[in-house]
Amino acid sequence: MPKVILRALALFAIFLHISTSPAMAQQRGPLVLAAASMQEAMNAAADAWAAQHHARPVLSFAASSALARQIRSGAPADLFVSADEDWMDDVEKAGFIQRGTRADLAGNRL
């Protein structure tokens, strides 16, 4: 399995560990806002996660900047996968990332 898919799976595992609403997780999978450039890897990771008898994550793709603005405006997200470290820093500095849960695991290129 490619490293980026394994890293994306690791992100899902981190989410599972920090999830604060087990009842909600049973109703639907985690809501993942991810950079559009990560679409192929995130879909593969979501399929692999679901194949392990978990609810399939709900994936929403857009530019990292757009996703960061949505999060700062109150959009719900269980996991934010940014392709731009500056936007991840922005969301973290604004207080929208739970302390101790950020993991810089994956990279990509066009």
PDB file of N, CA and C in Angstrom:
ATOM      1  N   MET A   1       0.856  -1.168   0.000  1.00  0.00           N
ATOM      2  CA  MET A   1       0.000   0.000   0.000  1.00  0.00           C
ATOM      3  C   MET A   1       0.903   1.233   0.000  1.00  0.00           C
ATOM      4  N   PRO A   2       0.646   2.223  -0.858  1.00  0.00           N
ATOM      5  CA  PRO A   2       1.493   3.417  -0.905  1.00  0.00           C
ATOM      6  C   PRO A   2       1.545   4.138   0.443  1.00  0.00           C
ATOM      7  N   LYS A   3       2.687   4.794   0.698  1.00  0.00           N
ATOM      8  CA  LYS A   3       2.883   5.479   1.978  1.00  0.00           C
ATOM      9  C   LYS A   3       1.808   6.512   2.267  1.00  0.00           C
ATOM     10  N   VAL A   4       1.377   7.259   1.256  1.00  0.00           N
ATOM     11  CA  VAL A   4       0.385   8.311   1.498  1.00  0.00           C
ATOM     12  C   VAL A   4      -0.937   7.708   1.969  1.00  0.00           C
ATOM     13  N   ILE A   5      -1.302   6.534   1.461  1.00  0.00           N
ATOM     14  CA  ILE A   5      -2.535   5.879   1.908  1.00  0.00           C
ATOM     15  C   ILE A   5      -2.371   5.408   3.344  1.00  0.00           C
ATOM     16  N   LEU A   6      -1.219   4.836   3.669  1.00  0.00           N
ATOM     17  CA  LEU A   6      -0.977   4.406   5.044  1.00  0.00           C
ATOM     18  C   LEU A   6      -1.011   5.594   5.998  1.00  0.00           C
ATOM     19  N   ARG A   7      -0.463   6.705   5.555  1.00  0.00           N
ATOM     20  CA  ARG A   7      -0.483   7.896   6.401  1.00  0.00           C
ATOM     21  C   ARG A   7      -1.905   8.422   6.569  1.00  0.00           C
ATOM     22  N   ALA A   8      -2.691   8.370   5.509  1.00  0.00           N
ATOM     23  CA  ALA A   8      -4.083   8.802   5.618  1.00  0.00           C
ATOM     24  C   ALA A   8      -4.839   7.889   6.578  1.00  0.00           C
ATOM     25  N   LEU A   9      -4.568   6.586   6.523  1.00  0.00           N
ATOM     26  CA  LEU A   9      -5.191   5.661   7.474  1.00  0.00           C
ATOM     27  C   LEU A   9      -4.780   6.006   8.904  1.00  0.00           C
ATOM     28  N   ALA A  10      -3.534   6.400   9.074  1.00  0.00           N
ATOM     29  CA  ALA A  10      -3.072   6.803  10.398  1.00  0.00           C
ATOM     30  C   ALA A  10      -3.848   8.014  10.896  1.00  0.00           C
ATOM     31  N   LEU A  11      -4.157   8.944   9.994  1.00  0.00           N
ATOM     32  CA  LEU A  11      -4.971  10.100  10.379  1.00  0.00           C
ATOM     33  C   LEU A  11      -6.345   9.665  10.869  1.00  0.00           C
ATOM     34  N   PHE A  12      -6.940   8.681  10.175  1.00  0.00           N
ATOM     35  CA  PHE A  12      -8.240   8.182  10.613  1.00  0.00           C
ATOM     36  C   PHE A  12      -8.134   7.529  11.989  1.00  0.00           C
ATOM     37  N   ALA A  13      -7.043   6.806  12.232  1.00  0.00           N
ATOM     38  CA  ALA A  13      -6.848   6.177  13.535  1.00  0.00           C
ATOM     39  C   ALA A  13      -6.719   7.231  14.627  1.00  0.00           C
ATOM     40  N   ILE A  14      -6.008   8.310  14.326  1.00  0.00           N
ATOM     41  CA  ILE A  14      -5.891   9.402  15.291  1.00  0.00           C
ATOM     42  C   ILE A  14      -7.267   9.985  15.577  1.00  0.00           C
ATOM     43  N   PHE A  15      -8.053  10.193  14.522  1.00  0.00           N
ATOM     44  CA  PHE A  15      -9.400  10.712  14.728  1.00  0.00           C
ATOM     45  C   PHE A  15     -10.194   9.790  15.635  1.00  0.00           C
ATOM     46  N   LEU A  16     -10.135   8.503  15.375  1.00  0.00           N
ATOM     47  CA  LEU A  16     -10.898   7.540  16.168  1.00  0.00           C
ATOM     48  C   LEU A  16     -10.513   7.639  17.636  1.00  0.00           C
ATOM     49  N   HIS A  17      -9.226   7.798  17.885  1.00  0.00           N
ATOM     50  CA  HIS A  17      -8.740   7.885  19.257  1.00  0.00           C
ATOM     51  C   HIS A  17      -9.263   9.124  19.982  1.00  0.00           C
ATOM     52  N   ILE A  18      -9.365  10.247  19.284  1.00  0.00           N
ATOM     53  CA  ILE A  18      -9.760  11.497  19.943  1.00  0.00           C
ATOM     54  C   ILE A  18     -11.241  11.813  19.810  1.00  0.00           C
ATOM     55  N   SER A  19     -11.965  10.971  19.118  1.00  0.00           N
ATOM     56  CA  SER A  19     -13.389  11.233  18.905  1.00  0.00           C
ATOM     57  C   SER A  19     -14.104  11.370  20.241  1.00  0.00           C
ATOM     58  N   THR A  20     -14.929  12.390  20.350  1.00  0.00           N
ATOM     59  CA  THR A  20     -15.641  12.629  21.603  1.00  0.00           C
ATOM     60  C   THR A  20     -17.095  12.207  21.541  1.00  0.00           C
ATOM     61  N   SER A  21     -17.542  11.690  20.414  1.00  0.00           N
ATOM     62  CA  SER A  21     -18.944  11.323  20.276  1.00  0.00           C
ATOM     63  C   SER A  21     -19.093   9.949  19.627  1.00  0.00           C
ATOM     64  N   PRO A  22     -18.958   8.869  20.411  1.00  0.00           N
ATOM     65  CA  PRO A  22     -19.081   7.532  19.840  1.00  0.00           C
ATOM     66  C   PRO A  22     -20.435   7.286  19.189  1.00  0.00           C
ATOM     67  N   ALA A  23     -21.506   7.842  19.744  1.00  0.00           N
ATOM     68  CA  ALA A  23     -22.834   7.636  19.155  1.00  0.00           C
ATOM     69  C   ALA A  23     -22.898   8.247  17.763  1.00  0.00           C
ATOM     70  N   MET A  24     -22.333   9.432  17.594  1.00  0.00           N
ATOM     71  CA  MET A  24     -22.344  10.077  16.281  1.00  0.00           C
ATOM     72  C   MET A  24     -21.498   9.284  15.291  1.00  0.00           C
ATOM     73  N   ALA A  25     -20.364   8.766  15.752  1.00  0.00           N
ATOM     74  CA  ALA A  25     -19.489   8.001  14.863  1.00  0.00           C
ATOM     75  C   ALA A  25     -20.185   6.749  14.348  1.00  0.00           C
ATOM     76  N   GLN A  26     -21.109   6.184  15.134  1.00  0.00           N
ATOM     77  CA  GLN A  26     -21.840   4.999  14.692  1.00  0.00           C
ATOM     78  C   GLN A  26     -22.878   5.367  13.638  1.00  0.00           C
ATOM     79  N   GLN A  27     -23.420   6.573  13.681  1.00  0.00           N
ATOM     80  CA  GLN A  27     -24.435   6.997  12.728  1.00  0.00           C
ATOM     81  C   GLN A  27     -23.819   7.333  11.379  1.00  0.00           C
ATOM     82  N   ARG A  28     -22.667   7.934  11.383  1.00  0.00           N
ATOM     83  CA  ARG A  28     -21.970   8.287  10.151  1.00  0.00           C
ATOM     84  C   ARG A  28     -20.479   8.245  10.440  1.00  0.00           C
ATOM     85  N   GLY A  29     -19.715   8.151   9.391  1.00  0.00           N
ATOM     86  CA  GLY A  29     -18.271   8.178   9.567  1.00  0.00           C
ATOM     87  C   GLY A  29     -17.804   9.582   9.885  1.00  0.00           C
ATOM     88  N   PRO A  30     -16.533   9.721  10.214  1.00  0.00           N
ATOM     89  CA  PRO A  30     -16.001  11.048  10.510  1.00  0.00           C
ATOM     90  C   PRO A  30     -16.096  11.969   9.301  1.00  0.00           C
ATOM     91  N   LEU A  31     -16.337  13.239   9.558  1.00  0.00           N
ATOM     92  CA  LEU A  31     -16.398  14.249   8.500  1.00  0.00           C
ATOM     93  C   LEU A  31     -14.985  14.768   8.263  1.00  0.00           C
ATOM     94  N   VAL A  32     -14.476  14.521   7.063  1.00  0.00           N
ATOM     95  CA  VAL A  32     -13.101  14.875   6.719  1.00  0.00           C
ATOM     96  C   VAL A  32     -13.110  15.970   5.660  1.00  0.00           C
ATOM     97  N   LEU A  33     -12.507  17.107   5.983  1.00  0.00           N
ATOM     98  CA  LEU A  33     -12.298  18.170   5.002  1.00  0.00           C
ATOM     99  C   LEU A  33     -10.862  18.020   4.521  1.00  0.00           C
ATOM    100  N   ALA A  34     -10.693  17.767   3.229  1.00  0.00           N
ATOM    101  CA  ALA A  34      -9.361  17.463   2.705  1.00  0.00           C
ATOM    102  C   ALA A  34      -9.059  18.261   1.444  1.00  0.00           C
ATOM    103  N   ALA A  35      -7.786  18.552   1.272  1.00  0.00           N
ATOM    104  CA  ALA A  35      -7.328  19.261   0.078  1.00  0.00           C
ATOM    105  C   ALA A  35      -7.694  18.465  -1.167  1.00  0.00           C
ATOM    106  N   ALA A  36      -8.111  19.182  -2.197  1.00  0.00           N
ATOM    107  CA  ALA A  36      -8.527  18.538  -3.445  1.00  0.00           C
ATOM    108  C   ALA A  36      -7.419  17.670  -4.025  1.00  0.00           C
ATOM    109  N   SER A  37      -6.184  18.064  -3.840  1.00  0.00           N
ATOM    110  CA  SER A  37      -5.067  17.285  -4.375  1.00  0.00           C
ATOM    111  C   SER A  37      -4.874  15.956  -3.655  1.00  0.00           C
ATOM    112  N   MET A  38      -5.555  15.765  -2.537  1.00  0.00           N
ATOM    113  CA  MET A  38      -5.466  14.519  -1.771  1.00  0.00           C
ATOM    114  C   MET A  38      -6.623  13.571  -2.068  1.00  0.00           C
ATOM    115  N   GLN A  39      -7.443  13.907  -3.058  1.00  0.00           N
ATOM    116  CA  GLN A  39      -8.674  13.163  -3.310  1.00  0.00           C
ATOM    117  C   GLN A  39      -8.442  11.667  -3.533  1.00  0.00           C
ATOM    118  N   GLU A  40      -7.522  11.306  -4.391  1.00  0.00           N
ATOM    119  CA  GLU A  40      -7.294   9.890  -4.688  1.00  0.00           C
ATOM    120  C   GLU A  40      -6.846   9.121  -3.441  1.00  0.00           C
ATOM    121  N   ALA A  41      -5.880   9.668  -2.722  1.00  0.00           N
ATOM    122  CA  ALA A  41      -5.373   9.003  -1.524  1.00  0.00           C
ATOM    123  C   ALA A  41      -6.432   8.927  -0.433  1.00  0.00           C
ATOM    124  N   MET A  42      -7.201  10.001  -0.246  1.00  0.00           N
ATOM    125  CA  MET A  42      -8.215  10.006   0.806  1.00  0.00           C
ATOM    126  C   MET A  42      -9.356   9.044   0.491  1.00  0.00           C
ATOM    127  N   ASN A  43      -9.762   8.962  -0.772  1.00  0.00           N
ATOM    128  CA  ASN A  43     -10.799   7.997  -1.139  1.00  0.00           C
ATOM    129  C   ASN A  43     -10.319   6.573  -0.907  1.00  0.00           C
ATOM    130  N   ALA A  44      -9.075   6.283  -1.251  1.00  0.00           N
ATOM    131  CA  ALA A  44      -8.526   4.945  -1.015  1.00  0.00           C
ATOM    132  C   ALA A  44      -8.458   4.648   0.483  1.00  0.00           C
ATOM    133  N   ALA A  45      -8.037   5.631   1.270  1.00  0.00           N
ATOM    134  CA  ALA A  45      -7.967   5.446   2.716  1.00  0.00           C
ATOM    135  C   ALA A  45      -9.360   5.259   3.312  1.00  0.00           C
ATOM    136  N   ALA A  46     -10.331   6.022   2.827  1.00  0.00           N
ATOM    137  CA  ALA A  46     -11.710   5.894   3.322  1.00  0.00           C
ATOM    138  C   ALA A  46     -12.279   4.518   2.994  1.00  0.00           C
ATOM    139  N   ASP A  47     -12.000   4.024   1.790  1.00  0.00           N
ATOM    140  CA  ASP A  47     -12.466   2.685   1.413  1.00  0.00           C
ATOM    141  C   ASP A  47     -11.821   1.619   2.291  1.00  0.00           C
ATOM    142  N   ALA A  48     -10.525   1.759   2.549  1.00  0.00           N
ATOM    143  CA  ALA A  48      -9.822   0.799   3.400  1.00  0.00           C
ATOM    144  C   ALA A  48     -10.359   0.844   4.830  1.00  0.00           C
ATOM    145  N   TRP A  49     -10.645   2.034   5.316  1.00  0.00           N
ATOM    146  CA  TRP A  49     -11.211   2.207   6.663  1.00  0.00           C
ATOM    147  C   TRP A  49     -12.575   1.521   6.750  1.00  0.00           C
ATOM    148  N   ALA A  50     -13.419   1.752   5.753  1.00  0.00           N
ATOM    149  CA  ALA A  50     -14.759   1.153   5.731  1.00  0.00           C
ATOM    150  C   ALA A  50     -14.678  -0.365   5.611  1.00  0.00           C
ATOM    151  N   ALA A  51     -13.686  -0.871   4.901  1.00  0.00           N
ATOM    152  CA  ALA A  51     -13.524  -2.317   4.742  1.00  0.00           C
ATOM    153  C   ALA A  51     -13.193  -2.998   6.069  1.00  0.00           C
ATOM    154  N   GLN A  52     -12.747  -2.225   7.044  1.00  0.00           N
ATOM    155  CA  GLN A  52     -12.450  -2.762   8.377  1.00  0.00           C
ATOM    156  C   GLN A  52     -13.658  -2.635   9.303  1.00  0.00           C
ATOM    157  N   HIS A  53     -14.838  -2.549   8.713  1.00  0.00           N
ATOM    158  CA  HIS A  53     -16.119  -2.517   9.434  1.00  0.00           C
ATOM    159  C   HIS A  53     -16.336  -1.239  10.238  1.00  0.00           C
ATOM    160  N   HIS A  54     -15.780  -0.142   9.740  1.00  0.00           N
ATOM    161  CA  HIS A  54     -16.042   1.182  10.309  1.00  0.00           C
ATOM    162  C   HIS A  54     -16.988   1.912   9.363  1.00  0.00           C
ATOM    163  N   ALA A  55     -17.697   2.896   9.885  1.00  0.00           N
ATOM    164  CA  ALA A  55     -18.514   3.740   9.010  1.00  0.00           C
ATOM    165  C   ALA A  55     -17.574   4.509   8.082  1.00  0.00           C
ATOM    166  N   ARG A  56     -17.919   4.536   6.786  1.00  0.00           N
ATOM    167  CA  ARG A  56     -17.057   5.216   5.813  1.00  0.00           C
ATOM    168  C   ARG A  56     -17.033   6.714   6.115  1.00  0.00           C
ATOM    169  N   PRO A  57     -15.855   7.303   6.140  1.00  0.00           N
ATOM    170  CA  PRO A  57     -15.764   8.744   6.369  1.00  0.00           C
ATOM    171  C   PRO A  57     -16.517   9.526   5.297  1.00  0.00           C
ATOM    172  N   VAL A  58     -17.066  10.651   5.700  1.00  0.00           N
ATOM    173  CA  VAL A  58     -17.707  11.577   4.772  1.00  0.00           C
ATOM    174  C   VAL A  58     -16.607  12.537   4.332  1.00  0.00           C
ATOM    175  N   LEU A  59     -16.303  12.530   3.038  1.00  0.00           N
ATOM    176  CA  LEU A  59     -15.192  13.323   2.519  1.00  0.00           C
ATOM    177  C   LEU A  59     -15.702  14.550   1.780  1.00  0.00           C
ATOM    178  N   SER A  60     -15.061  15.683   2.032  1.00  0.00           N
ATOM    179  CA  SER A  60     -15.372  16.919   1.328  1.00  0.00           C
ATOM    180  C   SER A  60     -14.050  17.525   0.875  1.00  0.00           C
ATOM    181  N   PHE A  61     -13.934  17.783  -0.434  1.00  0.00           N
ATOM    182  CA  PHE A  61     -12.678  18.262  -1.003  1.00  0.00           C
ATOM    183  C   PHE A  61     -12.802  19.696  -1.515  1.00  0.00           C
ATOM    184  N   ALA A  62     -11.751  20.463  -1.297  1.00  0.00           N
ATOM    185  CA  ALA A  62     -11.654  21.833  -1.816  1.00  0.00           C
ATOM    186  C   ALA A  62     -10.209  22.283  -1.629  1.00  0.00           C
ATOM    187  N   ALA A  63      -9.928  23.505  -2.017  1.00  0.00           N
ATOM    188  CA  ALA A  63      -8.600  24.072  -1.782  1.00  0.00           C
ATOM    189  C   ALA A  63      -8.375  24.212  -0.279  1.00  0.00           C
ATOM    190  N   SER A  64      -7.151  24.002   0.159  1.00  0.00           N
ATOM    191  CA  SER A  64      -6.836  24.122   1.585  1.00  0.00           C
ATOM    192  C   SER A  64      -7.256  25.477   2.139  1.00  0.00           C
ATOM    193  N   SER A  65      -7.061  26.536   1.362  1.00  0.00           N
ATOM    194  CA  SER A  65      -7.442  27.880   1.813  1.00  0.00           C
ATOM    195  C   SER A  65      -8.946  27.977   2.038  1.00  0.00           C
ATOM    196  N   ALA A  66      -9.730  27.419   1.130  1.00  0.00           N
ATOM    197  CA  ALA A  66     -11.191  27.458   1.264  1.00  0.00           C
ATOM    198  C   ALA A  66     -11.638  26.649   2.475  1.00  0.00           C
ATOM    199  N   LEU A  67     -11.033  25.496   2.677  1.00  0.00           N
ATOM    200  CA  LEU A  67     -11.398  24.661   3.829  1.00  0.00           C
ATOM    201  C   LEU A  67     -11.039  25.357   5.138  1.00  0.00           C
ATOM    202  N   ALA A  68      -9.873  25.980   5.186  1.00  0.00           N
ATOM    203  CA  ALA A  68      -9.466  26.692   6.398  1.00  0.00           C
ATOM    204  C   ALA A  68     -10.448  27.816   6.714  1.00  0.00           C
ATOM    205  N   ARG A  69     -10.869  28.549   5.691  1.00  0.00           N
ATOM    206  CA  ARG A  69     -11.852  29.624   5.913  1.00  0.00           C
ATOM    207  C   ARG A  69     -13.176  29.051   6.407  1.00  0.00           C
ATOM    208  N   GLN A  70     -13.591  27.921   5.855  1.00  0.00           N
ATOM    209  CA  GLN A  70     -14.845  27.296   6.292  1.00  0.00           C
ATOM    210  C   GLN A  70     -14.756  26.889   7.761  1.00  0.00           C
ATOM    211  N   ILE A  71     -13.648  26.285   8.146  1.00  0.00           N
ATOM    212  CA  ILE A  71     -13.468  25.866   9.538  1.00  0.00           C
ATOM    213  C   ILE A  71     -13.488  27.084  10.454  1.00  0.00           C
ATOM    214  N   ARG A  72     -12.783  28.133  10.069  1.00  0.00           N
ATOM    215  CA  ARG A  72     -12.755  29.358  10.888  1.00  0.00           C
ATOM    216  C   ARG A  72     -14.122  30.018  10.971  1.00  0.00           C
ATOM    217  N   SER A  73     -14.983  29.736   9.995  1.00  0.00           N
ATOM    218  CA  SER A  73     -16.346  30.288  10.000  1.00  0.00           C
ATOM    219  C   SER A  73     -17.333  29.376  10.721  1.00  0.00           C
ATOM    220  N   GLY A  74     -16.834  28.274  11.265  1.00  0.00           N
ATOM    221  CA  GLY A  74     -17.696  27.405  12.055  1.00  0.00           C
ATOM    222  C   GLY A  74     -18.150  26.130  11.378  1.00  0.00           C
ATOM    223  N   ALA A  75     -17.644  25.836  10.193  1.00  0.00           N
ATOM    224  CA  ALA A  75     -18.028  24.589   9.522  1.00  0.00           C
ATOM    225  C   ALA A  75     -17.557  23.404  10.363  1.00  0.00           C
ATOM    226  N   PRO A  76     -18.403  22.397  10.506  1.00  0.00           N
ATOM    227  CA  PRO A  76     -17.996  21.227  11.288  1.00  0.00           C
ATOM    228  C   PRO A  76     -16.959  20.401  10.531  1.00  0.00           C
ATOM    229  N   ALA A  77     -16.044  19.821  11.263  1.00  0.00           N
ATOM    230  CA  ALA A  77     -15.052  18.912  10.684  1.00  0.00           C
ATOM    231  C   ALA A  77     -14.473  18.068  11.808  1.00  0.00           C
ATOM    232  N   ASP A  78     -14.333  16.793  11.546  1.00  0.00           N
ATOM    233  CA  ASP A  78     -13.666  15.919  12.505  1.00  0.00           C
ATOM    234  C   ASP A  78     -12.178  15.828  12.206  1.00  0.00           C
ATOM    235  N   LEU A  79     -11.837  16.027  10.941  1.00  0.00           N
ATOM    236  CA  LEU A  79     -10.448  15.916  10.514  1.00  0.00           C
ATOM    237  C   LEU A  79     -10.209  16.889   9.368  1.00  0.00           C
ATOM    238  N   PHE A  80      -9.106  17.625   9.444  1.00  0.00           N
ATOM    239  CA  PHE A  80      -8.729  18.568   8.387  1.00  0.00           C
ATOM    240  C   PHE A  80      -7.412  18.094   7.799  1.00  0.00           C
ATOM    241  N   VAL A  81      -7.410  17.802   6.506  1.00  0.00           N
ATOM    242  CA  VAL A  81      -6.204  17.366   5.805  1.00  0.00           C
ATOM    243  C   VAL A  81      -5.848  18.468   4.816  1.00  0.00           C
ATOM    244  N   SER A  82      -4.851  19.249   5.176  1.00  0.00           N
ATOM    245  CA  SER A  82      -4.447  20.388   4.362  1.00  0.00           C
ATOM    246  C   SER A  82      -3.227  20.034   3.524  1.00  0.00           C
ATOM    247  N   ALA A  83      -3.176  20.572   2.326  1.00  0.00           N
ATOM    248  CA  ALA A  83      -1.996  20.402   1.472  1.00  0.00           C
ATOM    249  C   ALA A  83      -1.024  21.558   1.665  1.00  0.00           C
ATOM    250  N   ASP A  84      -1.368  22.487   2.531  1.00  0.00           N
ATOM    251  CA  ASP A  84      -0.560  23.685   2.737  1.00  0.00           C
ATOM    252  C   ASP A  84      -0.354  23.893   4.233  1.00  0.00           C
ATOM    253  N   GLU A  85       0.876  23.783   4.665  1.00  0.00           N
ATOM    254  CA  GLU A  85       1.184  23.898   6.086  1.00  0.00           C
ATOM    255  C   GLU A  85       0.784  25.258   6.658  1.00  0.00           C
ATOM    256  N   ASP A  86       0.878  26.312   5.851  1.00  0.00           N
ATOM    257  CA  ASP A  86       0.503  27.643   6.332  1.00  0.00           C
ATOM    258  C   ASP A  86      -0.971  27.704   6.720  1.00  0.00           C
ATOM    259  N   TRP A  87      -1.842  27.056   5.941  1.00  0.00           N
ATOM    260  CA  TRP A  87      -3.269  27.057   6.268  1.00  0.00           C
ATOM    261  C   TRP A  87      -3.549  26.195   7.494  1.00  0.00           C
ATOM    262  N   MET A  88      -2.812  25.112   7.658  1.00  0.00           N
ATOM    263  CA  MET A  88      -2.956  24.307   8.870  1.00  0.00           C
ATOM    264  C   MET A  88      -2.526  25.132  10.081  1.00  0.00           C
ATOM    265  N   ASP A  89      -1.417  25.860   9.943  1.00  0.00           N
ATOM    266  CA  ASP A  89      -0.955  26.743  11.019  1.00  0.00           C
ATOM    267  C   ASP A  89      -2.012  27.789  11.355  1.00  0.00           C
ATOM    268  N   ASP A  90      -2.638  28.358  10.331  1.00  0.00           N
ATOM    269  CA  ASP A  90      -3.669  29.375  10.520  1.00  0.00           C
ATOM    270  C   ASP A  90      -4.840  28.833  11.341  1.00  0.00           C
ATOM    271  N   VAL A  91      -5.301  27.657  10.983  1.00  0.00           N
ATOM    272  CA  VAL A  91      -6.432  27.046  11.694  1.00  0.00           C
ATOM    273  C   VAL A  91      -6.030  26.716  13.133  1.00  0.00           C
ATOM    274  N   GLU A  92      -4.805  26.244  13.308  1.00  0.00           N
ATOM    275  CA  GLU A  92      -4.331  25.920  14.653  1.00  0.00           C
ATOM    276  C   GLU A  92      -4.214  27.180  15.512  1.00  0.00           C
ATOM    277  N   LYS A  93      -3.623  28.235  14.966  1.00  0.00           N
ATOM    278  CA  LYS A  93      -3.458  29.488  15.716  1.00  0.00           C
ATOM    279  C   LYS A  93      -4.798  30.103  16.088  1.00  0.00           C
ATOM    280  N   ALA A  94      -5.816  29.869  15.262  1.00  0.00           N
ATOM    281  CA  ALA A  94      -7.155  30.390  15.547  1.00  0.00           C
ATOM    282  C   ALA A  94      -7.884  29.546  16.595  1.00  0.00           C
ATOM    283  N   GLY A  95      -7.274  28.447  17.019  1.00  0.00           N
ATOM    284  CA  GLY A  95      -7.854  27.637  18.088  1.00  0.00           C
ATOM    285  C   GLY A  95      -8.831  26.566  17.633  1.00  0.00           C
ATOM    286  N   PHE A  96      -8.774  26.187  16.370  1.00  0.00           N
ATOM    287  CA  PHE A  96      -9.722  25.208  15.853  1.00  0.00           C
ATOM    288  C   PHE A  96      -9.158  23.795  15.765  1.00  0.00           C
ATOM    289  N   ILE A  97      -7.961  23.587  16.251  1.00  0.00           N
ATOM    290  CA  ILE A  97      -7.386  22.244  16.307  1.00  0.00           C
ATOM    291  C   ILE A  97      -7.189  21.904  17.772  1.00  0.00           C
ATOM    292  N   GLN A  98      -7.740  20.783  18.174  1.00  0.00           N
ATOM    293  CA  GLN A  98      -7.628  20.362  19.564  1.00  0.00           C
ATOM    294  C   GLN A  98      -6.153  20.126  19.902  1.00  0.00           C
ATOM    295  N   ARG A  99      -5.699  20.718  20.990  1.00  0.00           N
ATOM    296  CA  ARG A  99      -4.297  20.631  21.392  1.00  0.00           C
ATOM    297  C   ARG A  99      -3.844  19.169  21.467  1.00  0.00           C
ATOM    298  N   GLY A 100      -2.684  18.910  20.903  1.00  0.00           N
ATOM    299  CA  GLY A 100      -2.096  17.575  20.956  1.00  0.00           C
ATOM    300  C   GLY A 100      -2.588  16.611  19.890  1.00  0.00           C
ATOM    301  N   THR A 101      -3.453  17.084  18.981  1.00  0.00           N
ATOM    302  CA  THR A 101      -3.999  16.174  17.971  1.00  0.00           C
ATOM    303  C   THR A 101      -3.437  16.407  16.576  1.00  0.00           C
ATOM    304  N   ARG A 102      -2.684  17.458  16.384  1.00  0.00           N
ATOM    305  CA  ARG A 102      -2.140  17.736  15.045  1.00  0.00           C
ATOM    306  C   ARG A 102      -1.010  16.763  14.737  1.00  0.00           C
ATOM    307  N   ALA A 103      -1.059  16.232  13.526  1.00  0.00           N
ATOM    308  CA  ALA A 103       0.004  15.339  13.064  1.00  0.00           C
ATOM    309  C   ALA A 103       0.312  15.676  11.614  1.00  0.00           C
ATOM    310  N   ASP A 104       1.540  16.044  11.344  1.00  0.00           N
ATOM    311  CA  ASP A 104       1.965  16.315   9.973  1.00  0.00           C
ATOM    312  C   ASP A 104       2.502  15.005   9.402  1.00  0.00           C
ATOM    313  N   LEU A 105       1.616  14.258   8.734  1.00  0.00           N
ATOM    314  CA  LEU A 105       1.954  12.903   8.303  1.00  0.00           C
ATOM    315  C   LEU A 105       2.157  12.731   6.814  1.00  0.00           C
ATOM    316  N   ALA A 106       1.441  13.473   6.026  1.00  0.00           N
ATOM    317  CA  ALA A 106       1.439  13.194   4.588  1.00  0.00           C
ATOM    318  C   ALA A 106       1.876  14.413   3.798  1.00  0.00           C
ATOM    319  N   GLY A 107       2.337  14.152   2.617  1.00  0.00           N
ATOM    320  CA  GLY A 107       2.667  15.206   1.679  1.00  0.00           C
ATOM    321  C   GLY A 107       2.162  14.790   0.313  1.00  0.00           C
ATOM    322  N   ASN A 108       2.134  15.728  -0.586  1.00  0.00           N
ATOM    323  CA  ASN A 108       1.707  15.398  -1.947  1.00  0.00           C
ATOM    324  C   ASN A 108       2.395  16.330  -2.915  1.00  0.00           C
ATOM    325  N   ARG A 109       2.229  16.042  -4.185  1.00  0.00           N
ATOM    326  CA  ARG A 109       2.771  16.909  -5.222  1.00  0.00           C
ATOM    327  C   ARG A 109       1.893  16.774  -6.447  1.00  0.00           C
ATOM    328  N   LEU A 110       1.846  17.824  -7.220  1.00  0.00           N
ATOM    329  CA  LEU A 110       1.048  17.808  -8.441  1.00  0.00           C
ATOM    330  C   LEU A 110       1.879  17.344  -9.611  1.00  0.00           C
TER     331      LEU A 110
END
